[in-house]
């Protein structure tokens, strides 16, 4: 059973892919708040700073 990380669904996450193909999830909250790690260990199952990405229907409004 694969656990999905909250980071995957957060609008404050930026995906970083290295030239060798490694993938990291950068928490942009870490830029202004040192309580949040720059690259949190995955999967993240609980996060006070999580901001859900808008759904496709919400984006069209």
Protein backbone atom coordinates (compact mmCIF):
# COMPACT_ATOMS: atom_id res chain seq x y z
CA UNK A 1 0.00 0.00 0.00
CA UNK A 2 1.51 3.32 -1.10
CA UNK A 3 0.87 6.37 1.09
CA UNK A 4 0.39 9.64 -0.78
CA UNK A 5 2.20 12.61 0.70
CA UNK A 6 0.34 15.82 1.55
CA UNK A 7 3.15 17.62 -0.25
CA UNK A 8 1.89 16.22 -3.56
CA UNK A 9 -1.40 18.08 -3.00
CA UNK A 10 0.03 21.32 -1.57
CA UNK A 11 0.14 24.54 -3.58
CA UNK A 12 3.27 25.58 -1.64
CA UNK A 13 5.28 22.60 -2.93
CA UNK A 14 7.70 22.92 -5.82
CA UNK A 15 9.04 19.84 -7.55
CA UNK A 16 12.80 19.82 -8.11
CA UNK A 17 14.23 17.28 -10.57
CA UNK A 18 18.00 16.89 -10.82
CA UNK A 19 19.81 16.31 -14.12
CA UNK A 20 20.24 12.65 -13.08
CA UNK A 21 16.48 12.27 -12.61
CA UNK A 22 16.21 12.41 -8.82
CA UNK A 23 13.02 14.09 -7.62
CA UNK A 24 12.64 16.24 -4.50
CA UNK A 25 9.67 18.15 -3.10
CA UNK A 26 10.66 21.64 -1.96
CA UNK A 27 8.48 23.19 0.76
CA UNK A 28 8.27 26.89 -0.06
CA UNK A 29 7.16 27.64 3.52
CA UNK A 30 10.77 26.89 4.49
CA UNK A 31 11.81 30.14 2.80
CA UNK A 32 9.99 32.29 5.39
CA UNK A 33 9.52 29.88 8.31
CA UNK A 34 12.44 27.81 9.63
CA UNK A 35 9.99 25.45 11.38
CA UNK A 36 9.37 23.83 7.98
CA UNK A 37 12.16 21.73 6.46
CA UNK A 38 13.26 22.67 2.95
CA UNK A 39 12.95 19.07 1.73
CA UNK A 40 10.71 17.22 4.22
CA UNK A 41 11.12 13.45 4.51
CA UNK A 42 8.42 11.75 2.49
CA UNK A 43 5.64 10.83 2.86
CA UNK A 44 4.25 13.72 4.90
CA UNK A 45 0.93 12.66 6.44
CA UNK A 46 0.29 15.72 8.63
CA UNK A 47 1.33 19.35 8.13
CA UNK A 48 0.03 22.52 9.78
CA UNK A 49 1.18 24.58 6.78
CA UNK A 50 -0.59 22.49 4.13
CA UNK A 51 -2.54 24.56 1.58
CA UNK A 52 -4.52 22.35 -0.78
CA UNK A 53 -4.17 23.00 -4.50
CA UNK A 54 -7.43 24.18 -6.05
CA UNK A 55 -9.34 21.46 -7.84
CA UNK A 56 -9.79 21.68 -11.62
CA UNK A 57 -13.38 22.93 -11.16
CA UNK A 58 -12.25 25.68 -8.77
CA UNK A 59 -9.52 26.82 -11.18
CA UNK A 60 -12.07 27.45 -13.95
CA UNK A 61 -14.13 29.88 -11.82
